[in-house]
């Protein structure tokens, strides 16, 4: 996902991230150490907010658009990705609440990074958009009724989620990328 091969100042097509990250629902992530299974569902909104705060800070620093190495995304690129993850998961969460066992369309995050030119976006604007999208999904998770947590939904590859497991999976993505921008995650 975050590995792009740089050539000149515009990255080439990313190396595909074909790992099925759903394994993090049953074991701690070997790259960032986050244990999604240990997250109480009531913690999801606060974890979303704290991750967003880390990105807002990172996007405000000089050099936010600079990659630490040609193959590692800049904080700006990770911020764009996290903003889009918040938007995609908010849509999926809404569908799970409103529909019976919805099937989610595939989202090619690598293609989105290239099509939307993540590396060329304005860090201040991305920070504002990330603030908005993360606040919306944090509020949505805060508003889940007890009888909604086990509602199902399916990803295009067949992975089945409940609202609760979707929340834990989603929070791992955010926390993992905070580790990426902090230089803590192993690549």
N, C-alpha and C. Protein backbone atom coordinates (compact mmCIF):
# COMPACT_ATOMS: atom_id res chain seq x y z
N UNK A 1 0.82 -1.19 0.00
CA UNK A 1 0.00 0.00 0.00
C UNK A 1 0.86 1.24 0.00
N UNK A 2 1.83 1.35 0.87
CA UNK A 2 2.59 2.58 0.98
C UNK A 2 3.90 2.53 0.22
N UNK A 3 4.14 1.50 -0.50
CA UNK A 3 5.38 1.38 -1.25
C UNK A 3 5.17 1.89 -2.67
N UNK A 4 5.78 2.98 -2.97
CA UNK A 4 5.73 3.52 -4.32
C UNK A 4 7.15 3.63 -4.83
N UNK A 5 7.35 3.29 -6.06
CA UNK A 5 8.67 3.39 -6.64
C UNK A 5 8.79 4.77 -7.27
N UNK A 6 9.72 5.57 -6.79
CA UNK A 6 9.87 6.94 -7.27
C UNK A 6 10.72 6.98 -8.53
N UNK A 7 10.28 7.76 -9.47
CA UNK A 7 11.04 8.01 -10.69
C UNK A 7 10.81 9.46 -11.01
N UNK A 8 11.83 10.25 -11.05
CA UNK A 8 11.77 11.71 -11.13
C UNK A 8 11.00 12.20 -9.92
N UNK A 9 10.12 13.18 -10.10
CA UNK A 9 9.38 13.69 -8.94
C UNK A 9 7.95 13.16 -8.90
N UNK A 10 7.59 12.27 -9.81
CA UNK A 10 6.26 11.69 -9.82
C UNK A 10 6.37 10.18 -9.67
N UNK A 11 5.72 9.61 -8.66
CA UNK A 11 5.87 8.18 -8.42
C UNK A 11 5.22 7.34 -9.53
N UNK A 12 5.78 6.18 -9.71
CA UNK A 12 5.21 5.21 -10.64
C UNK A 12 4.13 4.41 -9.92
N UNK A 13 3.56 3.48 -10.62
CA UNK A 13 2.53 2.63 -10.03
C UNK A 13 3.04 1.96 -8.77
N UNK A 14 2.23 1.91 -7.72
CA UNK A 14 2.66 1.28 -6.47
C UNK A 14 2.80 -0.22 -6.63
N UNK A 15 3.68 -0.77 -5.81
CA UNK A 15 3.73 -2.22 -5.69
C UNK A 15 2.42 -2.62 -5.02
N UNK A 16 1.69 -3.56 -5.60
CA UNK A 16 0.38 -3.91 -5.02
C UNK A 16 0.51 -4.44 -3.59
N UNK A 17 -0.40 -4.01 -2.76
CA UNK A 17 -0.48 -4.53 -1.40
C UNK A 17 -1.55 -5.60 -1.43
N UNK A 18 -1.15 -6.83 -1.64
CA UNK A 18 -2.13 -7.91 -1.78
C UNK A 18 -2.31 -8.70 -0.49
N UNK A 19 -1.77 -8.18 0.60
CA UNK A 19 -1.92 -8.84 1.90
C UNK A 19 -3.37 -8.68 2.37
N UNK A 20 -3.93 -9.74 2.89
CA UNK A 20 -5.27 -9.67 3.49
C UNK A 20 -5.09 -9.26 4.95
N UNK A 21 -5.28 -7.99 5.21
CA UNK A 21 -5.02 -7.42 6.53
C UNK A 21 -6.04 -7.83 7.59
N UNK A 22 -7.06 -8.62 7.22
CA UNK A 22 -8.05 -9.02 8.23
C UNK A 22 -7.43 -9.87 9.33
N UNK A 23 -6.23 -10.39 9.11
CA UNK A 23 -5.57 -11.16 10.15
C UNK A 23 -5.38 -10.34 11.43
N UNK A 24 -5.34 -9.00 11.31
CA UNK A 24 -5.13 -8.17 12.51
C UNK A 24 -6.32 -8.22 13.46
N UNK A 25 -7.44 -8.80 13.03
CA UNK A 25 -8.58 -8.94 13.93
C UNK A 25 -8.37 -10.07 14.94
N UNK A 26 -7.41 -10.95 14.67
CA UNK A 26 -7.18 -12.07 15.56
C UNK A 26 -5.81 -12.10 16.21
N UNK A 27 -4.92 -11.22 15.78
CA UNK A 27 -3.58 -11.19 16.37
C UNK A 27 -3.01 -9.79 16.23
N UNK A 28 -2.07 -9.43 17.11
CA UNK A 28 -1.45 -8.11 16.99
C UNK A 28 -0.73 -7.96 15.65
N UNK A 29 -0.73 -6.76 15.13
CA UNK A 29 -0.06 -6.47 13.86
C UNK A 29 1.45 -6.59 14.06
N UNK A 30 2.14 -7.39 13.24
CA UNK A 30 3.58 -7.54 13.40
C UNK A 30 4.35 -6.28 13.00
N UNK A 31 3.73 -5.39 12.23
CA UNK A 31 4.41 -4.17 11.78
C UNK A 31 4.30 -3.02 12.77
N UNK A 32 3.09 -2.83 13.35
CA UNK A 32 2.89 -1.68 14.24
C UNK A 32 2.63 -2.08 15.69
N UNK A 33 2.34 -3.36 15.94
CA UNK A 33 2.11 -3.84 17.29
C UNK A 33 0.69 -3.66 17.81
N UNK A 34 -0.18 -3.00 17.05
CA UNK A 34 -1.54 -2.74 17.52
C UNK A 34 -2.32 -4.04 17.61
N UNK A 35 -3.05 -4.20 18.71
CA UNK A 35 -3.86 -5.40 18.94
C UNK A 35 -5.34 -5.03 18.84
N UNK A 36 -5.89 -5.17 17.64
CA UNK A 36 -7.29 -4.79 17.40
C UNK A 36 -8.25 -5.63 18.23
N UNK A 37 -7.91 -6.88 18.50
CA UNK A 37 -8.79 -7.75 19.28
C UNK A 37 -8.95 -7.25 20.72
N UNK A 38 -7.99 -6.50 21.21
CA UNK A 38 -8.04 -6.00 22.59
C UNK A 38 -8.82 -4.70 22.71
N UNK A 39 -9.25 -4.14 21.59
CA UNK A 39 -9.97 -2.85 21.60
C UNK A 39 -11.43 -3.07 21.99
N UNK A 40 -11.84 -2.38 23.02
CA UNK A 40 -13.26 -2.37 23.37
C UNK A 40 -13.97 -1.44 22.39
N UNK A 41 -15.12 -1.86 21.92
CA UNK A 41 -15.82 -1.06 20.90
C UNK A 41 -16.10 0.37 21.34
N UNK A 42 -16.20 0.60 22.62
CA UNK A 42 -16.44 1.97 23.10
C UNK A 42 -15.21 2.86 22.92
N UNK A 43 -14.05 2.25 22.68
CA UNK A 43 -12.81 3.00 22.49
C UNK A 43 -12.62 3.49 21.05
N UNK A 44 -13.41 2.98 20.12
CA UNK A 44 -13.20 3.29 18.70
C UNK A 44 -13.25 4.79 18.42
N UNK A 45 -14.27 5.53 18.87
CA UNK A 45 -14.28 6.97 18.57
C UNK A 45 -13.04 7.71 19.08
N UNK A 46 -12.59 7.40 20.28
CA UNK A 46 -11.41 8.08 20.83
C UNK A 46 -10.15 7.72 20.05
N UNK A 47 -10.02 6.48 19.62
CA UNK A 47 -8.86 6.08 18.82
C UNK A 47 -8.86 6.77 17.46
N UNK A 48 -10.04 6.94 16.89
CA UNK A 48 -10.14 7.68 15.61
C UNK A 48 -9.69 9.12 15.82
N UNK A 49 -10.19 9.74 16.87
CA UNK A 49 -9.84 11.15 17.14
C UNK A 49 -8.35 11.33 17.43
N UNK A 50 -7.77 10.43 18.22
CA UNK A 50 -6.35 10.59 18.54
C UNK A 50 -5.47 10.35 17.31
N UNK A 51 -5.86 9.43 16.45
CA UNK A 51 -5.12 9.22 15.21
C UNK A 51 -5.21 10.46 14.32
N UNK A 52 -6.39 11.03 14.23
CA UNK A 52 -6.57 12.25 13.42
C UNK A 52 -5.71 13.39 13.95
N UNK A 53 -5.64 13.51 15.26
CA UNK A 53 -4.81 14.56 15.87
C UNK A 53 -3.34 14.37 15.50
N UNK A 54 -2.87 13.13 15.52
CA UNK A 54 -1.47 12.86 15.14
C UNK A 54 -1.23 13.28 13.69
N UNK A 55 -2.19 13.02 12.83
CA UNK A 55 -2.03 13.42 11.43
C UNK A 55 -2.10 14.93 11.26
N UNK A 56 -2.97 15.58 11.99
CA UNK A 56 -3.06 17.04 11.89
C UNK A 56 -1.72 17.67 12.28
N UNK A 57 -1.12 17.16 13.34
CA UNK A 57 0.19 17.65 13.77
C UNK A 57 1.23 17.41 12.69
N UNK A 58 1.28 16.21 12.18
CA UNK A 58 2.27 15.86 11.17
C UNK A 58 2.11 16.67 9.89
N UNK A 59 0.86 16.91 9.49
CA UNK A 59 0.61 17.67 8.26
C UNK A 59 0.93 19.15 8.41
N UNK A 60 1.04 19.62 9.64
CA UNK A 60 1.35 21.03 9.86
C UNK A 60 2.86 21.31 9.90
N UNK A 61 3.65 20.26 9.91
CA UNK A 61 5.10 20.42 10.01
C UNK A 61 5.73 20.70 8.64
N UNK A 62 6.82 21.45 8.63
CA UNK A 62 7.55 21.62 7.37
C UNK A 62 8.02 20.24 6.88
N UNK A 63 7.97 20.04 5.60
CA UNK A 63 8.41 18.76 5.04
C UNK A 63 7.36 17.68 5.04
N UNK A 64 6.10 18.03 5.30
CA UNK A 64 5.04 17.03 5.34
C UNK A 64 4.90 16.30 4.01
N UNK A 65 5.31 16.94 2.93
CA UNK A 65 5.20 16.32 1.60
C UNK A 65 6.47 15.57 1.20
N UNK A 66 7.45 15.50 2.08
CA UNK A 66 8.72 14.87 1.76
C UNK A 66 8.72 13.41 2.21
N UNK A 67 9.09 12.54 1.31
CA UNK A 67 9.19 11.13 1.64
C UNK A 67 10.47 10.85 2.42
N UNK A 68 10.40 9.98 3.41
CA UNK A 68 11.62 9.62 4.13
C UNK A 68 12.58 8.80 3.25
N UNK A 69 12.03 8.11 2.28
CA UNK A 69 12.81 7.40 1.26
C UNK A 69 11.91 7.27 0.04
N UNK A 70 12.46 6.99 -1.12
CA UNK A 70 11.64 6.94 -2.33
C UNK A 70 10.49 5.93 -2.28
N UNK A 71 10.65 4.87 -1.50
CA UNK A 71 9.62 3.83 -1.45
C UNK A 71 8.62 3.99 -0.30
N UNK A 72 8.80 4.99 0.53
CA UNK A 72 7.93 5.19 1.70
C UNK A 72 7.15 6.49 1.52
N UNK A 73 5.83 6.39 1.68
CA UNK A 73 4.99 7.57 1.55
C UNK A 73 5.39 8.67 2.52
N UNK A 74 5.13 9.89 2.11
CA UNK A 74 5.30 11.06 2.98
C UNK A 74 4.11 11.13 3.94
N UNK A 75 4.23 11.92 5.02
CA UNK A 75 3.06 12.14 5.88
C UNK A 75 1.86 12.67 5.09
N UNK A 76 2.11 13.50 4.08
CA UNK A 76 1.01 14.00 3.25
C UNK A 76 0.30 12.86 2.54
N UNK A 77 1.04 11.95 1.94
CA UNK A 77 0.42 10.83 1.23
C UNK A 77 -0.35 9.93 2.19
N UNK A 78 0.24 9.65 3.36
CA UNK A 78 -0.48 8.87 4.36
C UNK A 78 -1.73 9.62 4.82
N UNK A 79 -1.62 10.95 4.98
CA UNK A 79 -2.78 11.74 5.38
C UNK A 79 -3.90 11.67 4.37
N UNK A 80 -3.57 11.73 3.10
CA UNK A 80 -4.58 11.59 2.04
C UNK A 80 -5.25 10.22 2.14
N UNK A 81 -4.43 9.20 2.33
CA UNK A 81 -4.96 7.84 2.44
C UNK A 81 -5.89 7.71 3.64
N UNK A 82 -5.47 8.21 4.78
CA UNK A 82 -6.29 8.12 5.99
C UNK A 82 -7.59 8.89 5.82
N UNK A 83 -7.52 10.06 5.21
CA UNK A 83 -8.75 10.83 4.91
C UNK A 83 -9.71 9.98 4.09
N UNK A 84 -9.18 9.32 3.05
CA UNK A 84 -10.02 8.51 2.18
C UNK A 84 -10.51 7.25 2.87
N UNK A 85 -9.68 6.66 3.73
CA UNK A 85 -10.11 5.49 4.51
C UNK A 85 -11.29 5.88 5.39
N UNK A 86 -11.22 7.05 6.03
CA UNK A 86 -12.33 7.51 6.87
C UNK A 86 -13.61 7.65 6.04
N UNK A 87 -13.49 8.19 4.86
CA UNK A 87 -14.66 8.36 4.00
C UNK A 87 -15.24 7.01 3.56
N UNK A 88 -14.38 6.11 3.12
CA UNK A 88 -14.83 4.79 2.64
C UNK A 88 -15.49 4.01 3.78
N UNK A 89 -14.86 4.01 4.95
CA UNK A 89 -15.42 3.26 6.07
C UNK A 89 -16.69 3.90 6.60
N UNK A 90 -16.82 5.20 6.51
CA UNK A 90 -18.08 5.84 6.91
C UNK A 90 -19.21 5.38 6.00
N UNK A 91 -18.93 5.28 4.71
CA UNK A 91 -19.94 4.78 3.77
C UNK A 91 -20.30 3.33 4.08
N UNK A 92 -19.29 2.52 4.35
CA UNK A 92 -19.53 1.10 4.65
C UNK A 92 -20.31 0.95 5.95
N UNK A 93 -19.95 1.73 6.95
CA UNK A 93 -20.67 1.68 8.22
C UNK A 93 -22.13 2.07 8.03
N UNK A 94 -22.38 3.12 7.29
CA UNK A 94 -23.76 3.56 7.03
C UNK A 94 -24.55 2.46 6.32
N UNK A 95 -23.93 1.82 5.36
CA UNK A 95 -24.62 0.73 4.65
C UNK A 95 -24.92 -0.43 5.58
N UNK A 96 -23.99 -0.77 6.46
CA UNK A 96 -24.21 -1.87 7.40
C UNK A 96 -25.36 -1.56 8.35
N UNK A 97 -25.52 -0.30 8.68
CA UNK A 97 -26.60 0.09 9.58
C UNK A 97 -27.95 0.14 8.85
N UNK A 98 -27.90 0.45 7.55
CA UNK A 98 -29.14 0.66 6.79
C UNK A 98 -29.59 -0.53 5.96
N UNK A 99 -28.67 -1.41 5.61
CA UNK A 99 -28.97 -2.53 4.70
C UNK A 99 -28.68 -3.86 5.40
N UNK A 100 -29.28 -4.90 4.89
CA UNK A 100 -29.01 -6.23 5.40
C UNK A 100 -27.84 -6.84 4.63
N UNK A 101 -26.73 -7.07 5.33
CA UNK A 101 -25.56 -7.73 4.79
C UNK A 101 -25.09 -7.15 3.44
N UNK A 102 -24.76 -5.86 3.40
CA UNK A 102 -24.33 -5.27 2.14
C UNK A 102 -22.99 -5.83 1.65
N UNK A 103 -22.82 -5.83 0.33
CA UNK A 103 -21.56 -6.20 -0.29
C UNK A 103 -20.88 -4.92 -0.72
N UNK A 104 -19.65 -4.70 -0.24
CA UNK A 104 -18.93 -3.47 -0.53
C UNK A 104 -18.18 -3.59 -1.85
N UNK A 105 -18.22 -2.54 -2.64
CA UNK A 105 -17.44 -2.50 -3.86
C UNK A 105 -15.96 -2.49 -3.50
N UNK A 106 -15.15 -3.04 -4.37
CA UNK A 106 -13.71 -3.02 -4.16
C UNK A 106 -13.20 -1.59 -4.23
N UNK A 107 -12.26 -1.26 -3.35
CA UNK A 107 -11.59 0.03 -3.40
C UNK A 107 -10.12 -0.22 -3.60
N UNK A 108 -9.59 0.23 -4.71
CA UNK A 108 -8.17 0.07 -5.00
C UNK A 108 -7.45 1.31 -4.47
N UNK A 109 -6.93 1.18 -3.28
CA UNK A 109 -6.29 2.31 -2.62
C UNK A 109 -5.03 2.76 -3.34
N UNK A 110 -4.33 1.84 -3.97
CA UNK A 110 -3.12 2.21 -4.71
C UNK A 110 -3.47 3.03 -5.94
N UNK A 111 -4.51 2.62 -6.67
CA UNK A 111 -4.95 3.38 -7.83
C UNK A 111 -5.44 4.76 -7.42
N UNK A 112 -6.15 4.84 -6.30
CA UNK A 112 -6.63 6.13 -5.81
C UNK A 112 -5.47 7.07 -5.51
N UNK A 113 -4.42 6.55 -4.89
CA UNK A 113 -3.25 7.38 -4.57
C UNK A 113 -2.66 8.00 -5.82
N UNK A 114 -2.60 7.23 -6.90
CA UNK A 114 -2.05 7.75 -8.15
C UNK A 114 -3.03 8.69 -8.86
N UNK A 115 -4.28 8.26 -8.96
CA UNK A 115 -5.29 9.07 -9.66
C UNK A 115 -5.49 10.42 -9.00
N UNK A 116 -5.49 10.44 -7.68
CA UNK A 116 -5.72 11.68 -6.94
C UNK A 116 -4.42 12.43 -6.63
N UNK A 117 -3.31 11.90 -7.10
CA UNK A 117 -2.01 12.56 -6.94
C UNK A 117 -1.77 12.97 -5.48
N UNK A 118 -1.82 12.00 -4.61
CA UNK A 118 -1.64 12.26 -3.18
C UNK A 118 -0.42 13.14 -2.91
N UNK A 119 0.67 12.87 -3.55
CA UNK A 119 1.93 13.57 -3.31
C UNK A 119 1.88 15.05 -3.66
N UNK A 120 0.89 15.46 -4.45
CA UNK A 120 0.81 16.85 -4.91
C UNK A 120 -0.28 17.66 -4.20
N UNK A 121 -0.98 17.06 -3.26
CA UNK A 121 -2.06 17.76 -2.58
C UNK A 121 -1.51 18.73 -1.53
N UNK A 122 -2.34 19.67 -1.13
CA UNK A 122 -1.97 20.69 -0.15
C UNK A 122 -2.13 20.13 1.27
N UNK A 123 -1.04 20.09 2.05
CA UNK A 123 -1.14 19.52 3.39
C UNK A 123 -2.20 20.19 4.28
N UNK A 124 -2.34 21.50 4.21
CA UNK A 124 -3.33 22.18 5.05
C UNK A 124 -4.75 21.77 4.65
N UNK A 125 -4.98 21.66 3.38
CA UNK A 125 -6.31 21.25 2.91
C UNK A 125 -6.59 19.80 3.31
N UNK A 126 -5.61 18.93 3.13
CA UNK A 126 -5.77 17.53 3.52
C UNK A 126 -6.05 17.43 5.01
N UNK A 127 -5.34 18.22 5.81
CA UNK A 127 -5.57 18.21 7.25
C UNK A 127 -7.01 18.57 7.58
N UNK A 128 -7.53 19.60 6.93
CA UNK A 128 -8.92 19.99 7.16
C UNK A 128 -9.90 18.91 6.73
N UNK A 129 -9.65 18.30 5.59
CA UNK A 129 -10.53 17.24 5.10
C UNK A 129 -10.45 16.00 5.99
N UNK A 130 -9.24 15.71 6.48
CA UNK A 130 -9.07 14.57 7.38
C UNK A 130 -9.78 14.85 8.71
N UNK A 131 -9.70 16.08 9.18
CA UNK A 131 -10.40 16.46 10.41
C UNK A 131 -11.90 16.22 10.26
N UNK A 132 -12.43 16.65 9.13
CA UNK A 132 -13.86 16.51 8.87
C UNK A 132 -14.27 15.04 8.74
N UNK A 133 -13.53 14.29 7.94
CA UNK A 133 -13.92 12.89 7.71
C UNK A 133 -13.74 12.03 8.96
N UNK A 134 -12.70 12.29 9.73
CA UNK A 134 -12.48 11.50 10.95
C UNK A 134 -13.51 11.85 12.02
N UNK A 135 -13.89 13.12 12.11
CA UNK A 135 -14.92 13.51 13.09
C UNK A 135 -16.25 12.86 12.74
N UNK A 136 -16.56 12.80 11.46
CA UNK A 136 -17.84 12.20 11.04
C UNK A 136 -17.90 10.72 11.38
N UNK A 137 -16.83 9.99 11.12
CA UNK A 137 -16.89 8.55 11.41
C UNK A 137 -16.76 8.28 12.91
N UNK A 138 -16.01 9.11 13.63
CA UNK A 138 -15.95 8.94 15.09
C UNK A 138 -17.35 9.12 15.68
N UNK A 139 -18.07 10.13 15.22
CA UNK A 139 -19.44 10.35 15.69
C UNK A 139 -20.36 9.19 15.30
N UNK A 140 -20.18 8.67 14.09
CA UNK A 140 -21.01 7.54 13.65
C UNK A 140 -20.78 6.33 14.55
N UNK A 141 -19.52 6.03 14.87
CA UNK A 141 -19.26 4.90 15.76
C UNK A 141 -19.76 5.19 17.18
N UNK A 142 -19.69 6.43 17.61
CA UNK A 142 -20.20 6.78 18.95
C UNK A 142 -21.71 6.59 19.02
N UNK A 143 -22.39 6.67 17.90
CA UNK A 143 -23.85 6.56 17.87
C UNK A 143 -24.38 5.17 17.60
N UNK A 144 -23.53 4.16 17.58
CA UNK A 144 -24.00 2.79 17.31
C UNK A 144 -24.79 2.28 18.51
N UNK A 145 -25.99 1.82 18.22
CA UNK A 145 -26.84 1.24 19.27
C UNK A 145 -26.37 -0.19 19.58
N UNK A 146 -26.66 -0.65 20.79
CA UNK A 146 -26.23 -1.99 21.21
C UNK A 146 -26.64 -3.07 20.22
N UNK A 147 -27.84 -2.95 19.66
CA UNK A 147 -28.32 -3.99 18.74
C UNK A 147 -27.76 -3.87 17.32
N UNK A 148 -26.91 -2.89 17.07
CA UNK A 148 -26.32 -2.73 15.73
C UNK A 148 -24.92 -3.30 15.61
N UNK A 149 -24.24 -3.56 16.71
CA UNK A 149 -22.83 -3.95 16.66
C UNK A 149 -22.57 -5.26 15.91
N UNK A 150 -23.54 -6.13 15.84
CA UNK A 150 -23.34 -7.42 15.18
C UNK A 150 -23.93 -7.46 13.77
N UNK A 151 -24.40 -6.33 13.25
CA UNK A 151 -24.91 -6.29 11.87
C UNK A 151 -23.77 -6.61 10.91
N UNK A 152 -24.02 -7.47 9.90
CA UNK A 152 -22.95 -7.89 8.99
C UNK A 152 -22.81 -7.05 7.73
N UNK A 153 -21.66 -7.17 7.12
CA UNK A 153 -21.37 -6.62 5.80
C UNK A 153 -20.19 -7.39 5.24
N UNK A 154 -20.06 -7.38 3.90
CA UNK A 154 -19.01 -8.18 3.26
C UNK A 154 -18.18 -7.33 2.31
N UNK A 155 -16.90 -7.60 2.32
CA UNK A 155 -15.99 -6.98 1.39
C UNK A 155 -16.03 -7.78 0.08
N UNK A 156 -15.61 -7.17 -1.00
CA UNK A 156 -15.68 -7.81 -2.32
C UNK A 156 -14.88 -9.11 -2.40
N UNK A 157 -13.89 -9.30 -1.53
CA UNK A 157 -13.11 -10.54 -1.54
C UNK A 157 -13.75 -11.63 -0.68
N UNK A 158 -14.92 -11.34 -0.10
CA UNK A 158 -15.63 -12.33 0.70
C UNK A 158 -15.43 -12.20 2.19
N UNK A 159 -14.52 -11.35 2.64
CA UNK A 159 -14.33 -11.16 4.08
C UNK A 159 -15.61 -10.62 4.70
N UNK A 160 -16.05 -11.26 5.78
CA UNK A 160 -17.28 -10.87 6.46
C UNK A 160 -16.91 -10.08 7.71
N UNK A 161 -17.59 -8.96 7.90
CA UNK A 161 -17.40 -8.12 9.06
C UNK A 161 -18.72 -7.94 9.79
N UNK A 162 -18.62 -7.64 11.07
CA UNK A 162 -19.74 -7.07 11.80
C UNK A 162 -19.40 -5.59 11.97
N UNK A 163 -20.35 -4.80 12.41
CA UNK A 163 -20.04 -3.40 12.67
C UNK A 163 -18.88 -3.31 13.65
N UNK A 164 -18.89 -4.18 14.65
CA UNK A 164 -17.82 -4.16 15.66
C UNK A 164 -16.46 -4.53 15.06
N UNK A 165 -16.40 -5.61 14.28
CA UNK A 165 -15.10 -5.99 13.71
C UNK A 165 -14.66 -5.00 12.64
N UNK A 166 -15.59 -4.40 11.93
CA UNK A 166 -15.23 -3.35 10.96
C UNK A 166 -14.58 -2.18 11.70
N UNK A 167 -15.13 -1.82 12.84
CA UNK A 167 -14.56 -0.72 13.63
C UNK A 167 -13.16 -1.02 14.10
N UNK A 168 -12.92 -2.23 14.55
CA UNK A 168 -11.57 -2.61 15.01
C UNK A 168 -10.58 -2.66 13.84
N UNK A 169 -11.03 -3.19 12.73
CA UNK A 169 -10.20 -3.26 11.53
C UNK A 169 -9.85 -1.86 11.05
N UNK A 170 -10.83 -0.99 11.02
CA UNK A 170 -10.66 0.40 10.61
C UNK A 170 -9.68 1.13 11.52
N UNK A 171 -9.84 0.97 12.83
CA UNK A 171 -8.96 1.65 13.78
C UNK A 171 -7.52 1.16 13.63
N UNK A 172 -7.35 -0.13 13.36
CA UNK A 172 -5.99 -0.61 13.12
C UNK A 172 -5.35 0.16 11.97
N UNK A 173 -6.09 0.36 10.89
CA UNK A 173 -5.55 1.07 9.73
C UNK A 173 -5.04 2.45 10.14
N UNK A 174 -5.84 3.17 10.92
CA UNK A 174 -5.44 4.51 11.34
C UNK A 174 -4.22 4.48 12.24
N UNK A 175 -4.26 3.63 13.26
CA UNK A 175 -3.15 3.54 14.21
C UNK A 175 -1.87 3.07 13.49
N UNK A 176 -2.03 2.15 12.56
CA UNK A 176 -0.89 1.65 11.80
C UNK A 176 -0.22 2.79 11.03
N UNK A 177 -1.03 3.65 10.43
CA UNK A 177 -0.46 4.74 9.66
C UNK A 177 0.11 5.86 10.53
N UNK A 178 -0.39 6.00 11.75
CA UNK A 178 0.27 6.90 12.70
C UNK A 178 1.67 6.36 12.98
N UNK A 179 1.78 5.05 13.14
CA UNK A 179 3.10 4.43 13.34
C UNK A 179 3.98 4.65 12.11
N UNK A 180 3.38 4.59 10.93
CA UNK A 180 4.15 4.85 9.70
C UNK A 180 4.74 6.25 9.70
N UNK A 181 3.93 7.26 10.00
CA UNK A 181 4.44 8.64 9.95
C UNK A 181 5.37 8.95 11.10
N UNK A 182 5.29 8.14 12.15
CA UNK A 182 6.17 8.32 13.31
C UNK A 182 7.47 7.54 13.15
N UNK A 183 7.55 6.73 12.10
CA UNK A 183 8.74 5.92 11.88
C UNK A 183 8.82 4.70 12.75
N UNK A 184 7.69 4.31 13.38
CA UNK A 184 7.66 3.18 14.29
C UNK A 184 7.36 1.88 13.56
N UNK A 185 6.50 1.93 12.55
CA UNK A 185 6.10 0.71 11.84
C UNK A 185 7.28 0.13 11.07
N UNK A 186 7.33 -1.20 11.07
CA UNK A 186 8.36 -1.90 10.31
C UNK A 186 7.83 -2.13 8.90
N UNK A 187 8.62 -1.88 7.91
CA UNK A 187 8.20 -2.05 6.51
C UNK A 187 8.92 -3.23 5.90
